[in-house]
Amino acid sequence: MQVDTVVAVLAIILALGFDFVNGFHDTANAVATVIYTKALKPTVAIVMSGLLNFLGCVMVGTAVAMVITKIIPADKVTLPLVVSVLISAVMWNLLTWWKGLPVSSSHCLIGALTGAGVAANDFHGVSWHELEKVGLGLLISPIIGFIAGGIMTWAALNLSGEKENPGSSSQPHPNIMRWLHILSSASVSFSHGSNDGQKTMGIITLILATHFASYGFTNQSVPLWVMFSAALAIAMGTMIGGWKVIRTVGTKISRERLSHSQGFGASMSTAIIILIASQLGAPISTTHTLSSAVAGGTIPVYGAEKLNKQTMYLIVLAWVLTLPVAALFAAISYFVLKLVWHG
């Protein structure tokens, strides 16, 4: 077996590793609110999340994956470029997970694709039109999440009777809101799989189209085995759990404890936004959409003064830094790989 073929196979394994890391890094997106409101036990919540991530991956389609394959022009894609993208994305994901920051795996991947593309082929190495559409989705989704989280939480508060005494169990219909909260958490898991799982499918499709084209692989469709492999990797990663990030989303964004109404409002608005994005082929951030929705939902419950400004600052800082840092990591990785490749 040729060296390049071995590297290509290892790159596919690394892509699935990124998917696995994505799963345990982004577990908080689905389960933080439902765990910290005690709507579900942690183990039950995480297993449920893993299973629904898998189903979301295989049932919604591949529109997002196809967008990922178009960010780098087809004639510019090389094996060193794709490997450098994966190294960068995994490094930044692991670093931010270690620090407990809810950072977007989407930002990691898009930033890395941009940095590697420019490093390999200057400004001709990126399809800027495609990147512009992706960037717009990444930019507006947290804003929509903040607004939608606030509106949906306000509506849930009024319907549930929690408005006057948020977080109390002595409400007219506490069990109904608890089950609605569980349903919304399950919806986030499903929608997360539908969007984030496809990003890995897109990367593996690029590898196959670049190195295994002679076997009939192209960047026009995602093989069924790739869909199921990506779904299994993200589901397994989700079930491992990312407790550092769960604590940040569940307890540090708001200075007060989450109510079921707030958890439902944040989770359901996030799920709807992500599912719409998946259908449109927009690879957006579940992490930042949910974090923004939790922040937006805090206001109608406790008021803006109860937002934890230090945590919000760190989340926004991570949002701003992820794209350029991932791009820089990818560019450095690409230059190092090129030296080794020819060495």
C-alpha atoms as a PDB file:
ATOM      1  CA  MET A   1       0.000   0.000   0.000  1.00  0.00           C
ATOM      2  CA  GLN A   2       1.379   3.425  -0.969  1.00  0.00           C
ATOM      3  CA  VAL A   3       2.224   5.958   1.717  1.00  0.00           C
ATOM      4  CA  ASP A   4      -0.388   8.426   0.451  1.00  0.00           C
ATOM      5  CA  THR A   5      -3.087   5.772   0.671  1.00  0.00           C
ATOM      6  CA  VAL A   6      -2.123   4.996   4.261  1.00  0.00           C
ATOM      7  CA  VAL A   7      -2.270   8.724   5.068  1.00  0.00           C
ATOM      8  CA  ALA A   8      -5.680   9.000   3.361  1.00  0.00           C
ATOM      9  CA  VAL A   9      -7.054   6.172   5.486  1.00  0.00           C
ATOM     10  CA  LEU A  10      -5.578   7.759   8.615  1.00  0.00           C
ATOM     11  CA  ALA A  11      -7.154  11.074   7.577  1.00  0.00           C
ATOM     12  CA  ILE A  12     -10.576   9.399   7.441  1.00  0.00           C
ATOM     13  CA  ILE A  13      -9.963   8.001  10.930  1.00  0.00           C
ATOM     14  CA  LEU A  14      -8.879  11.482  12.097  1.00  0.00           C
ATOM     15  CA  ALA A  15     -12.080  12.939  10.612  1.00  0.00           C
ATOM     16  CA  LEU A  16     -14.121  10.457  12.629  1.00  0.00           C
ATOM     17  CA  GLY A  17     -11.995  11.418  15.641  1.00  0.00           C
ATOM     18  CA  PHE A  18     -12.988  15.056  15.079  1.00  0.00           C
ATOM     19  CA  ASP A  19     -16.613  13.914  14.952  1.00  0.00           C
ATOM     20  CA  PHE A  20     -16.141  12.033  18.231  1.00  0.00           C
ATOM     21  CA  VAL A  21     -14.580  15.116  19.865  1.00  0.00           C
ATOM     22  CA  ASN A  22     -17.412  17.221  18.473  1.00  0.00           C
ATOM     23  CA  GLY A  23     -19.841  14.871  20.205  1.00  0.00           C
ATOM     24  CA  PHE A  24     -18.373  15.117  23.696  1.00  0.00           C
ATOM     25  CA  HIS A  25     -17.510  18.808  23.295  1.00  0.00           C
ATOM     26  CA  ASP A  26     -21.063  19.674  22.251  1.00  0.00           C
ATOM     27  CA  THR A  27     -22.952  17.362  24.626  1.00  0.00           C
ATOM     28  CA  ALA A  28     -23.716  20.450  26.693  1.00  0.00           C
ATOM     29  CA  ASN A  29     -25.771  21.864  23.824  1.00  0.00           C
ATOM     30  CA  ALA A  30     -28.485  19.311  24.441  1.00  0.00           C
ATOM     31  CA  VAL A  31     -28.228  18.149  28.038  1.00  0.00           C
ATOM     32  CA  ALA A  32     -26.965  21.040  30.184  1.00  0.00           C
ATOM     33  CA  THR A  33     -30.354  22.645  30.773  1.00  0.00           C
ATOM     34  CA  VAL A  34     -32.225  19.367  31.257  1.00  0.00           C
ATOM     35  CA  ILE A  35     -29.606  18.141  33.770  1.00  0.00           C
ATOM     36  CA  TYR A  36     -29.363  21.334  35.821  1.00  0.00           C
ATOM     37  CA  THR A  37     -33.128  21.706  36.108  1.00  0.00           C
ATOM     38  CA  LYS A  38     -33.215  18.039  37.235  1.00  0.00           C
ATOM     39  CA  ALA A  39     -35.690  17.199  34.483  1.00  0.00           C
ATOM     40  CA  LEU A  40     -33.620  14.065  33.748  1.00  0.00           C
ATOM     41  CA  LYS A  41     -30.809  12.213  35.446  1.00  0.00           C
ATOM     42  CA  PRO A  42     -27.434  12.914  33.799  1.00  0.00           C
ATOM     43  CA  THR A  43     -26.886   9.363  32.517  1.00  0.00           C
ATOM     44  CA  VAL A  44     -30.353   9.152  30.986  1.00  0.00           C
ATOM     45  CA  ALA A  45     -29.996  12.596  29.380  1.00  0.00           C
ATOM     46  CA  ILE A  46     -26.610  11.801  27.826  1.00  0.00           C
ATOM     47  CA  VAL A  47     -27.660   8.394  26.452  1.00  0.00           C
ATOM     48  CA  MET A  48     -30.812   9.958  24.994  1.00  0.00           C
ATOM     49  CA  SER A  49     -28.706  12.697  23.439  1.00  0.00           C
ATOM     50  CA  GLY A  50     -26.301  10.197  21.862  1.00  0.00           C
ATOM     51  CA  LEU A  51     -29.062   8.139  20.290  1.00  0.00           C
ATOM     52  CA  LEU A  52     -30.833  11.190  18.876  1.00  0.00           C
ATOM     53  CA  ASN A  53     -27.570  12.618  17.544  1.00  0.00           C
ATOM     54  CA  PHE A  54     -27.191   9.377  15.596  1.00  0.00           C
ATOM     55  CA  LEU A  55     -30.737   9.563  14.212  1.00  0.00           C
ATOM     56  CA  GLY A  56     -30.365  13.223  13.265  1.00  0.00           C
ATOM     57  CA  CYS A  57     -27.198  12.373  11.373  1.00  0.00           C
ATOM     58  CA  VAL A  58     -28.756   9.693   9.203  1.00  0.00           C
ATOM     59  CA  MET A  59     -32.291  11.002   8.697  1.00  0.00           C
ATOM     60  CA  VAL A  60     -32.068  14.662   7.660  1.00  0.00           C
ATOM     61  CA  GLY A  61     -29.967  14.500   4.495  1.00  0.00           C
ATOM     62  CA  THR A  62     -26.586  15.786   3.332  1.00  0.00           C
ATOM     63  CA  ALA A  63     -27.172  19.416   2.305  1.00  0.00           C
ATOM     64  CA  VAL A  64     -24.676  20.720   4.893  1.00  0.00           C
ATOM     65  CA  ALA A  65     -22.056  18.129   3.863  1.00  0.00           C
ATOM     66  CA  MET A  66     -22.309  19.293   0.247  1.00  0.00           C
ATOM     67  CA  VAL A  67     -21.651  22.898   1.312  1.00  0.00           C
ATOM     68  CA  ILE A  68     -18.534  21.802   3.236  1.00  0.00           C
ATOM     69  CA  THR A  69     -17.167  20.131   0.090  1.00  0.00           C
ATOM     70  CA  LYS A  70     -17.479  23.404  -1.849  1.00  0.00           C
ATOM     71  CA  ILE A  71     -15.558  25.766   0.457  1.00  0.00           C
ATOM     72  CA  ILE A  72     -12.268  24.642  -1.113  1.00  0.00           C
ATOM     73  CA  PRO A  73     -12.458  24.510  -4.948  1.00  0.00           C
ATOM     74  CA  ALA A  74     -12.390  20.878  -6.101  1.00  0.00           C
ATOM     75  CA  ASP A  75      -9.183  21.310  -8.122  1.00  0.00           C
ATOM     76  CA  LYS A  76      -7.375  22.794  -5.094  1.00  0.00           C
ATOM     77  CA  VAL A  77      -8.099  20.009  -2.595  1.00  0.00           C
ATOM     78  CA  THR A  78      -5.084  17.903  -1.587  1.00  0.00           C
ATOM     79  CA  LEU A  79      -4.475  15.346   1.117  1.00  0.00           C
ATOM     80  CA  PRO A  80      -2.067  17.552   3.137  1.00  0.00           C
ATOM     81  CA  LEU A  81      -4.657  20.325   3.053  1.00  0.00           C
ATOM     82  CA  VAL A  82      -7.451  18.136   4.424  1.00  0.00           C
ATOM     83  CA  VAL A  83      -5.214  16.610   7.113  1.00  0.00           C
ATOM     84  CA  SER A  84      -4.095  20.083   8.257  1.00  0.00           C
ATOM     85  CA  VAL A  85      -7.748  21.127   8.540  1.00  0.00           C
ATOM     86  CA  LEU A  86      -8.515  18.164  10.787  1.00  0.00           C
ATOM     87  CA  ILE A  87      -5.438  18.640  12.972  1.00  0.00           C
ATOM     88  CA  SER A  88      -6.347  22.286  13.545  1.00  0.00           C
ATOM     89  CA  ALA A  89     -10.005  21.597  14.295  1.00  0.00           C
ATOM     90  CA  VAL A  90      -9.233  18.793  16.757  1.00  0.00           C
ATOM     91  CA  MET A  91      -6.530  20.844  18.540  1.00  0.00           C
ATOM     92  CA  TRP A  92      -8.763  23.873  19.120  1.00  0.00           C
ATOM     93  CA  ASN A  93     -11.737  21.716  20.106  1.00  0.00           C
ATOM     94  CA  LEU A  94      -9.696  19.847  22.710  1.00  0.00           C
ATOM     95  CA  LEU A  95      -8.090  23.031  24.072  1.00  0.00           C
ATOM     96  CA  THR A  96     -11.410  24.811  24.560  1.00  0.00           C
ATOM     97  CA  TRP A  97     -13.031  21.675  25.995  1.00  0.00           C
ATOM     98  CA  TRP A  98     -10.187  21.486  28.538  1.00  0.00           C
ATOM     99  CA  LYS A  99     -10.918  25.111  29.505  1.00  0.00           C
ATOM    100  CA  GLY A 100     -14.655  24.390  29.688  1.00  0.00           C
ATOM    101  CA  LEU A 101     -15.584  26.889  26.978  1.00  0.00           C
ATOM    102  CA  PRO A 102     -18.626  26.142  24.773  1.00  0.00           C
ATOM    103  CA  VAL A 103     -16.874  26.788  21.462  1.00  0.00           C
ATOM    104  CA  SER A 104     -18.318  25.947  18.071  1.00  0.00           C
ATOM    105  CA  SER A 105     -16.952  22.954  16.197  1.00  0.00           C
ATOM    106  CA  SER A 106     -18.416  24.611  13.099  1.00  0.00           C
ATOM    107  CA  HIS A 107     -16.228  27.661  13.640  1.00  0.00           C
ATOM    108  CA  CYS A 108     -13.229  25.357  14.127  1.00  0.00           C
ATOM    109  CA  LEU A 109     -13.848  23.564  10.862  1.00  0.00           C
ATOM    110  CA  ILE A 110     -14.704  26.627   8.740  1.00  0.00           C
ATOM    111  CA  GLY A 111     -11.733  28.571  10.110  1.00  0.00           C
ATOM    112  CA  ALA A 112      -9.411  25.637   9.482  1.00  0.00           C
ATOM    113  CA  LEU A 113     -10.673  25.167   5.908  1.00  0.00           C
ATOM    114  CA  THR A 114     -10.078  28.857   5.219  1.00  0.00           C
ATOM    115  CA  GLY A 115      -6.583  28.905   6.728  1.00  0.00           C
ATOM    116  CA  ALA A 116      -5.450  25.734   4.969  1.00  0.00           C
ATOM    117  CA  GLY A 117      -6.962  26.844   1.646  1.00  0.00           C
ATOM    118  CA  VAL A 118      -5.165  30.194   1.721  1.00  0.00           C
ATOM    119  CA  ALA A 119      -1.898  28.611   2.885  1.00  0.00           C
ATOM    120  CA  ALA A 120      -2.009  26.116   0.018  1.00  0.00           C
ATOM    121  CA  ASN A 121      -3.154  28.336  -2.856  1.00  0.00           C
ATOM    122  CA  ASP A 122      -3.196  31.950  -1.655  1.00  0.00           C
ATOM    123  CA  PHE A 123      -6.585  33.624  -2.005  1.00  0.00           C
ATOM    124  CA  HIS A 124      -7.494  31.345  -4.909  1.00  0.00           C
ATOM    125  CA  GLY A 125      -7.614  28.415  -2.483  1.00  0.00           C
ATOM    126  CA  VAL A 126     -11.013  29.311  -1.033  1.00  0.00           C
ATOM    127  CA  SER A 127     -14.407  29.690  -2.689  1.00  0.00           C
ATOM    128  CA  TRP A 128     -15.215  33.063  -1.152  1.00  0.00           C
ATOM    129  CA  HIS A 129     -18.786  33.072  -2.399  1.00  0.00           C
ATOM    130  CA  GLU A 130     -19.521  29.823  -0.531  1.00  0.00           C
ATOM    131  CA  LEU A 131     -17.597  31.033   2.519  1.00  0.00           C
ATOM    132  CA  GLU A 132     -19.607  34.259   2.564  1.00  0.00           C
ATOM    133  CA  LYS A 133     -22.867  32.316   2.782  1.00  0.00           C
ATOM    134  CA  VAL A 134     -21.481  30.105   5.544  1.00  0.00           C
ATOM    135  CA  GLY A 135     -20.111  33.118   7.445  1.00  0.00           C
ATOM    136  CA  LEU A 136     -23.490  34.838   7.315  1.00  0.00           C
ATOM    137  CA  GLY A 137     -25.146  31.816   8.905  1.00  0.00           C
ATOM    138  CA  LEU A 138     -22.498  31.626  11.636  1.00  0.00           C
ATOM    139  CA  LEU A 139     -22.927  35.346  12.339  1.00  0.00           C
ATOM    140  CA  ILE A 140     -26.706  35.637  12.533  1.00  0.00           C
ATOM    141  CA  SER A 141     -27.582  32.315  14.206  1.00  0.00           C
ATOM    142  CA  PRO A 142     -26.495  33.427  17.734  1.00  0.00           C
ATOM    143  CA  ILE A 143     -28.415  36.692  17.303  1.00  0.00           C
ATOM    144  CA  ILE A 144     -31.546  34.825  16.237  1.00  0.00           C
ATOM    145  CA  GLY A 145     -30.963  32.361  19.093  1.00  0.00           C
ATOM    146  CA  PHE A 146     -30.776  35.187  21.663  1.00  0.00           C
ATOM    147  CA  ILE A 147     -34.007  36.776  20.442  1.00  0.00           C
ATOM    148  CA  ALA A 148     -35.876  33.496  19.929  1.00  0.00           C
ATOM    149  CA  GLY A 149     -34.733  32.156  23.308  1.00  0.00           C
ATOM    150  CA  GLY A 150     -36.079  35.266  25.024  1.00  0.00           C
ATOM    151  CA  ILE A 151     -39.420  35.193  23.210  1.00  0.00           C
ATOM    152  CA  MET A 152     -40.009  31.465  23.637  1.00  0.00           C
ATOM    153  CA  THR A 153     -39.018  31.555  27.323  1.00  0.00           C
ATOM    154  CA  TRP A 154     -41.372  34.497  27.904  1.00  0.00           C
ATOM    155  CA  ALA A 155     -44.206  32.560  26.275  1.00  0.00           C
ATOM    156  CA  ALA A 156     -43.403  29.412  28.279  1.00  0.00           C
ATOM    157  CA  LEU A 157     -43.316  31.401  31.519  1.00  0.00           C
ATOM    158  CA  ASN A 158     -46.785  32.777  30.930  1.00  0.00           C
ATOM    159  CA  LEU A 159     -48.232  29.433  29.876  1.00  0.00           C
ATOM    160  CA  SER A 160     -46.659  27.442  32.708  1.00  0.00           C
ATOM    161  CA  GLY A 161     -47.356  29.783  35.607  1.00  0.00           C
ATOM    162  CA  GLU A 162     -43.650  30.115  36.453  1.00  0.00           C
ATOM    163  CA  LYS A 163     -43.623  33.835  35.695  1.00  0.00           C
ATOM    164  CA  GLU A 164     -44.215  34.977  39.266  1.00  0.00           C
ATOM    165  CA  ASN A 165     -41.994  32.362  40.918  1.00  0.00           C
ATOM    166  CA  PRO A 166     -39.408  31.041  38.419  1.00  0.00           C
ATOM    167  CA  GLY A 167     -37.805  27.747  39.286  1.00  0.00           C
ATOM    168  CA  SER A 168     -40.461  26.776  41.823  1.00  0.00           C
ATOM    169  CA  SER A 169     -42.016  23.328  41.679  1.00  0.00           C
ATOM    170  CA  SER A 170     -45.340  24.652  43.098  1.00  0.00           C
ATOM    171  CA  GLN A 171     -46.730  25.632  39.714  1.00  0.00           C
ATOM    172  CA  PRO A 172     -50.117  24.679  38.223  1.00  0.00           C
ATOM    173  CA  HIS A 173     -48.636  22.233  35.729  1.00  0.00           C
ATOM    174  CA  PRO A 174     -44.984  21.557  36.690  1.00  0.00           C
ATOM    175  CA  ASN A 175     -44.870  18.089  35.101  1.00  0.00           C
ATOM    176  CA  ILE A 176     -46.143  19.350  31.741  1.00  0.00           C
ATOM    177  CA  MET A 177     -43.367  21.934  31.523  1.00  0.00           C
ATOM    178  CA  ARG A 178     -40.814  19.354  32.661  1.00  0.00           C
ATOM    179  CA  TRP A 179     -41.828  16.981  29.851  1.00  0.00           C
ATOM    180  CA  LEU A 180     -41.861  19.816  27.326  1.00  0.00           C
ATOM    181  CA  HIS A 181     -38.348  20.657  28.485  1.00  0.00           C
ATOM    182  CA  ILE A 182     -37.260  17.037  27.956  1.00  0.00           C
ATOM    183  CA  LEU A 183     -38.841  17.071  24.486  1.00  0.00           C
ATOM    184  CA  SER A 184     -36.996  20.262  23.591  1.00  0.00           C
ATOM    185  CA  SER A 185     -33.698  18.811  24.831  1.00  0.00           C
ATOM    186  CA  ALA A 186     -34.258  15.726  22.672  1.00  0.00           C
ATOM    187  CA  SER A 187     -34.961  18.032  19.725  1.00  0.00           C
ATOM    188  CA  VAL A 188     -31.628  19.804  20.220  1.00  0.00           C
ATOM    189  CA  SER A 189     -29.814  16.460  20.140  1.00  0.00           C
ATOM    190  CA  PHE A 190     -31.565  15.453  16.936  1.00  0.00           C
ATOM    191  CA  SER A 191     -30.914  18.811  15.274  1.00  0.00           C
ATOM    192  CA  HIS A 192     -27.276  18.828  16.417  1.00  0.00           C
ATOM    193  CA  GLY A 193     -26.697  15.482  14.739  1.00  0.00           C
ATOM    194  CA  SER A 194     -28.452  16.725  11.612  1.00  0.00           C
ATOM    195  CA  ASN A 195     -26.041  19.655  11.263  1.00  0.00           C
ATOM    196  CA  ASP A 196     -22.730  18.843  12.940  1.00  0.00           C
ATOM    197  CA  GLY A 197     -22.581  15.211  11.853  1.00  0.00           C
ATOM    198  CA  GLN A 198     -22.800  16.325   8.243  1.00  0.00           C
ATOM    199  CA  LYS A 199     -19.655  18.433   8.545  1.00  0.00           C
ATOM    200  CA  THR A 200     -17.554  15.321   9.069  1.00  0.00           C
ATOM    201  CA  MET A 201     -19.388  13.621   6.201  1.00  0.00           C
ATOM    202  CA  GLY A 202     -18.294  16.512   3.990  1.00  0.00           C
ATOM    203  CA  ILE A 203     -14.642  16.217   5.030  1.00  0.00           C
ATOM    204  CA  ILE A 204     -14.550  12.442   4.458  1.00  0.00           C
ATOM    205  CA  THR A 205     -16.239  12.946   1.085  1.00  0.00           C
ATOM    206  CA  LEU A 206     -13.434  15.378   0.174  1.00  0.00           C
ATOM    207  CA  ILE A 207     -10.798  12.804   1.144  1.00  0.00           C
ATOM    208  CA  LEU A 208     -12.493  10.090  -0.904  1.00  0.00           C
ATOM    209  CA  ALA A 209     -12.937  12.347  -3.944  1.00  0.00           C
ATOM    210  CA  THR A 210      -9.304  13.504  -3.712  1.00  0.00           C
ATOM    211  CA  HIS A 211      -7.504  10.198  -3.259  1.00  0.00           C
ATOM    212  CA  PHE A 212      -9.973   7.441  -4.128  1.00  0.00           C
ATOM    213  CA  ALA A 213     -11.626   8.921  -7.212  1.00  0.00           C
ATOM    214  CA  SER A 214     -10.571   5.859  -9.229  1.00  0.00           C
ATOM    215  CA  TYR A 215     -12.993   3.818  -7.118  1.00  0.00           C
ATOM    216  CA  GLY A 216     -15.883   6.026  -8.215  1.00  0.00           C
ATOM    217  CA  PHE A 217     -15.976   8.441  -5.284  1.00  0.00           C
ATOM    218  CA  THR A 218     -16.847  12.077  -6.065  1.00  0.00           C
ATOM    219  CA  ASN A 219     -17.647  15.201  -4.080  1.00  0.00           C
ATOM    220  CA  GLN A 220     -21.215  15.170  -5.428  1.00  0.00           C
ATOM    221  CA  SER A 221     -22.660  12.639  -2.985  1.00  0.00           C
ATOM    222  CA  VAL A 222     -21.996  11.128   0.437  1.00  0.00           C
ATOM    223  CA  PRO A 223     -21.665   7.315   0.550  1.00  0.00           C
ATOM    224  CA  LEU A 224     -24.054   5.558   2.911  1.00  0.00           C
ATOM    225  CA  TRP A 225     -21.221   4.035   4.946  1.00  0.00           C
ATOM    226  CA  VAL A 226     -19.798   7.532   5.516  1.00  0.00           C
ATOM    227  CA  MET A 227     -23.159   8.730   6.837  1.00  0.00           C
ATOM    228  CA  PHE A 228     -23.417   5.855   9.306  1.00  0.00           C
ATOM    229  CA  SER A 229     -19.756   6.100  10.388  1.00  0.00           C
ATOM    230  CA  ALA A 230     -20.096   9.824  11.118  1.00  0.00           C
ATOM    231  CA  ALA A 231     -23.378   9.242  12.941  1.00  0.00           C
ATOM    232  CA  LEU A 232     -21.844   6.515  15.110  1.00  0.00           C
ATOM    233  CA  ALA A 233     -18.756   8.623  15.939  1.00  0.00           C
ATOM    234  CA  ILE A 234     -20.719  11.680  17.047  1.00  0.00           C
ATOM    235  CA  ALA A 235     -23.169   9.534  19.022  1.00  0.00           C
ATOM    236  CA  MET A 236     -20.364   7.758  20.884  1.00  0.00           C
ATOM    237  CA  GLY A 237     -18.651  11.062  21.605  1.00  0.00           C
ATOM    238  CA  THR A 238     -21.908  12.468  22.943  1.00  0.00           C
ATOM    239  CA  MET A 239     -22.352   9.545  25.313  1.00  0.00           C
ATOM    240  CA  ILE A 240     -18.881  10.103  26.777  1.00  0.00           C
ATOM    241  CA  GLY A 241     -20.100  13.530  27.931  1.00  0.00           C
ATOM    242  CA  GLY A 242     -18.340  16.856  28.289  1.00  0.00           C
ATOM    243  CA  TRP A 243     -18.882  17.840  31.887  1.00  0.00           C
ATOM    244  CA  LYS A 244     -16.676  20.945  31.826  1.00  0.00           C
ATOM    245  CA  VAL A 245     -18.794  22.543  29.105  1.00  0.00           C
ATOM    246  CA  ILE A 246     -22.047  21.272  30.629  1.00  0.00           C
ATOM    247  CA  ARG A 247     -21.245  23.174  33.831  1.00  0.00           C
ATOM    248  CA  THR A 248     -20.564  26.376  31.877  1.00  0.00           C
ATOM    249  CA  VAL A 249     -23.844  26.277  29.943  1.00  0.00           C
ATOM    250  CA  GLY A 250     -25.930  24.999  32.843  1.00  0.00           C
ATOM    251  CA  THR A 251     -24.679  27.149  35.697  1.00  0.00           C
ATOM    252  CA  LYS A 252     -22.425  30.008  34.577  1.00  0.00           C
ATOM    253  CA  ILE A 253     -24.287  31.921  31.878  1.00  0.00           C
ATOM    254  CA  SER A 254     -27.059  32.946  34.271  1.00  0.00           C
ATOM    255  CA  ARG A 255     -26.395  33.840  37.909  1.00  0.00           C
ATOM    256  CA  GLU A 256     -29.695  32.190  38.864  1.00  0.00           C
ATOM    257  CA  ARG A 257     -30.609  28.548  38.421  1.00  0.00           C
ATOM    258  CA  LEU A 258     -32.438  27.558  35.270  1.00  0.00           C
ATOM    259  CA  SER A 259     -36.187  26.975  35.327  1.00  0.00           C
ATOM    260  CA  HIS A 260     -37.983  24.435  33.132  1.00  0.00           C
ATOM    261  CA  SER A 261     -39.513  27.303  31.165  1.00  0.00           C
ATOM    262  CA  GLN A 262     -36.095  28.779  30.460  1.00  0.00           C
ATOM    263  CA  GLY A 263     -34.655  25.387  29.558  1.00  0.00           C
ATOM    264  CA  PHE A 264     -37.584  24.683  27.236  1.00  0.00           C
ATOM    265  CA  GLY A 265     -37.401  28.119  25.612  1.00  0.00           C
ATOM    266  CA  ALA A 266     -33.663  27.954  24.985  1.00  0.00           C
ATOM    267  CA  SER A 267     -33.624  24.344  23.785  1.00  0.00           C
ATOM    268  CA  MET A 268     -36.693  24.434  21.537  1.00  0.00           C
ATOM    269  CA  SER A 269     -35.704  27.698  19.841  1.00  0.00           C
ATOM    270  CA  THR A 270     -32.217  26.272  19.248  1.00  0.00           C
ATOM    271  CA  ALA A 271     -33.599  23.020  17.805  1.00  0.00           C
ATOM    272  CA  ILE A 272     -35.894  24.863  15.380  1.00  0.00           C
ATOM    273  CA  ILE A 273     -33.104  27.165  14.173  1.00  0.00           C
ATOM    274  CA  ILE A 274     -30.652  24.286  13.649  1.00  0.00           C
ATOM    275  CA  LEU A 275     -33.163  22.072  11.819  1.00  0.00           C
ATOM    276  CA  ILE A 276     -34.046  24.914   9.438  1.00  0.00           C
ATOM    277  CA  ALA A 277     -30.324  25.509   8.847  1.00  0.00           C
ATOM    278  CA  SER A 278     -29.758  21.800   8.154  1.00  0.00           C
ATOM    279  CA  GLN A 279     -32.511  21.795   5.534  1.00  0.00           C
ATOM    280  CA  LEU A 280     -31.043  24.917   3.909  1.00  0.00           C
ATOM    281  CA  GLY A 281     -27.517  23.486   3.936  1.00  0.00           C
ATOM    282  CA  ALA A 282     -26.163  26.073   6.372  1.00  0.00           C
ATOM    283  CA  PRO A 283     -23.418  24.720   8.680  1.00  0.00           C
ATOM    284  CA  ILE A 284     -24.121  26.845  11.761  1.00  0.00           C
ATOM    285  CA  SER A 285     -23.082  26.587  15.391  1.00  0.00           C
ATOM    286  CA  THR A 286     -25.322  24.668  17.774  1.00  0.00           C
ATOM    287  CA  THR A 287     -23.030  25.724  20.629  1.00  0.00           C
ATOM    288  CA  HIS A 288     -23.332  29.462  20.136  1.00  0.00           C
ATOM    289  CA  THR A 289     -26.999  29.330  19.174  1.00  0.00           C
ATOM    290  CA  LEU A 290     -27.873  27.513  22.412  1.00  0.00           C
ATOM    291  CA  SER A 291     -25.589  29.650  24.604  1.00  0.00           C
ATOM    292  CA  SER A 292     -27.220  32.760  23.141  1.00  0.00           C
ATOM    293  CA  ALA A 293     -30.697  31.286  23.657  1.00  0.00           C
ATOM    294  CA  VAL A 294     -29.906  30.536  27.334  1.00  0.00           C
ATOM    295  CA  ALA A 295     -28.699  34.124  27.742  1.00  0.00           C
ATOM    296  CA  GLY A 296     -31.758  35.516  25.958  1.00  0.00           C
ATOM    297  CA  GLY A 297     -34.041  33.346  28.076  1.00  0.00           C
ATOM    298  CA  THR A 298     -32.492  34.630  31.303  1.00  0.00           C
ATOM    299  CA  ILE A 299     -33.845  38.137  30.694  1.00  0.00           C
ATOM    300  CA  PRO A 300     -37.613  37.445  30.852  1.00  0.00           C
ATOM    301  CA  VAL A 301     -37.061  35.163  33.871  1.00  0.00           C
ATOM    302  CA  TYR A 302     -34.651  37.134  36.044  1.00  0.00           C
ATOM    303  CA  GLY A 303     -33.745  40.310  34.167  1.00  0.00           C
ATOM    304  CA  ALA A 304     -30.627  41.322  32.247  1.00  0.00           C
ATOM    305  CA  GLU A 305     -28.739  42.087  35.456  1.00  0.00           C
ATOM    306  CA  LYS A 306     -28.642  38.358  36.251  1.00  0.00           C
ATOM    307  CA  LEU A 307     -26.592  37.531  33.148  1.00  0.00           C
ATOM    308  CA  ASN A 308     -23.083  36.492  34.147  1.00  0.00           C
ATOM    309  CA  LYS A 309     -21.144  39.110  32.216  1.00  0.00           C
ATOM    310  CA  GLN A 310     -17.759  37.445  32.774  1.00  0.00           C
ATOM    311  CA  THR A 311     -18.943  34.133  31.313  1.00  0.00           C
ATOM    312  CA  MET A 312     -20.686  35.929  28.442  1.00  0.00           C
ATOM    313  CA  TYR A 313     -17.462  37.816  27.739  1.00  0.00           C
ATOM    314  CA  LEU A 314     -15.461  34.573  27.600  1.00  0.00           C
ATOM    315  CA  ILE A 315     -18.010  32.962  25.268  1.00  0.00           C
ATOM    316  CA  VAL A 316     -18.004  35.958  22.922  1.00  0.00           C
ATOM    317  CA  LEU A 317     -14.193  36.075  23.047  1.00  0.00           C
ATOM    318  CA  ALA A 318     -14.013  32.394  22.122  1.00  0.00           C
ATOM    319  CA  TRP A 319     -16.535  33.021  19.309  1.00  0.00           C
ATOM    320  CA  VAL A 320     -14.360  35.821  17.919  1.00  0.00           C
ATOM    321  CA  LEU A 321     -11.041  33.979  18.332  1.00  0.00           C
ATOM    322  CA  THR A 322     -12.039  30.561  17.005  1.00  0.00           C
ATOM    323  CA  LEU A 323     -12.102  31.421  13.284  1.00  0.00           C
ATOM    324  CA  PRO A 324      -8.681  33.159  13.136  1.00  0.00           C
ATOM    325  CA  VAL A 325      -6.980  30.782  15.589  1.00  0.00           C
ATOM    326  CA  ALA A 326      -8.255  27.673  13.771  1.00  0.00           C
ATOM    327  CA  ALA A 327      -7.170  29.269  10.469  1.00  0.00           C
ATOM    328  CA  LEU A 328      -3.704  29.948  11.869  1.00  0.00           C
ATOM    329  CA  PHE A 329      -3.344  26.424  13.294  1.00  0.00           C
ATOM    330  CA  ALA A 330      -4.399  24.969   9.934  1.00  0.00           C
ATOM    331  CA  ALA A 331      -1.966  27.141   7.968  1.00  0.00           C
ATOM    332  CA  ILE A 332       0.933  26.175  10.254  1.00  0.00           C
ATOM    333  CA  SER A 333      -0.079  22.507  10.113  1.00  0.00           C
ATOM    334  CA  TYR A 334      -0.215  22.671   6.319  1.00  0.00           C
ATOM    335  CA  PHE A 335       3.288  24.123   5.973  1.00  0.00           C
ATOM    336  CA  VAL A 336       4.704  21.555   8.400  1.00  0.00           C
ATOM    337  CA  LEU A 337       2.957  18.695   6.578  1.00  0.00           C
ATOM    338  CA  LYS A 338       4.248  19.882   3.212  1.00  0.00           C
ATOM    339  CA  LEU A 339       7.808  19.846   4.539  1.00  0.00           C
ATOM    340  CA  VAL A 340       7.343  16.310   5.895  1.00  0.00           C
ATOM    341  CA  TRP A 341       5.556  15.152   2.712  1.00  0.00           C
ATOM    342  CA  HIS A 342       8.529  16.099   0.583  1.00  0.00           C
ATOM    343  CA  GLY A 343      11.065  15.214   3.221  1.00  0.00           C
END
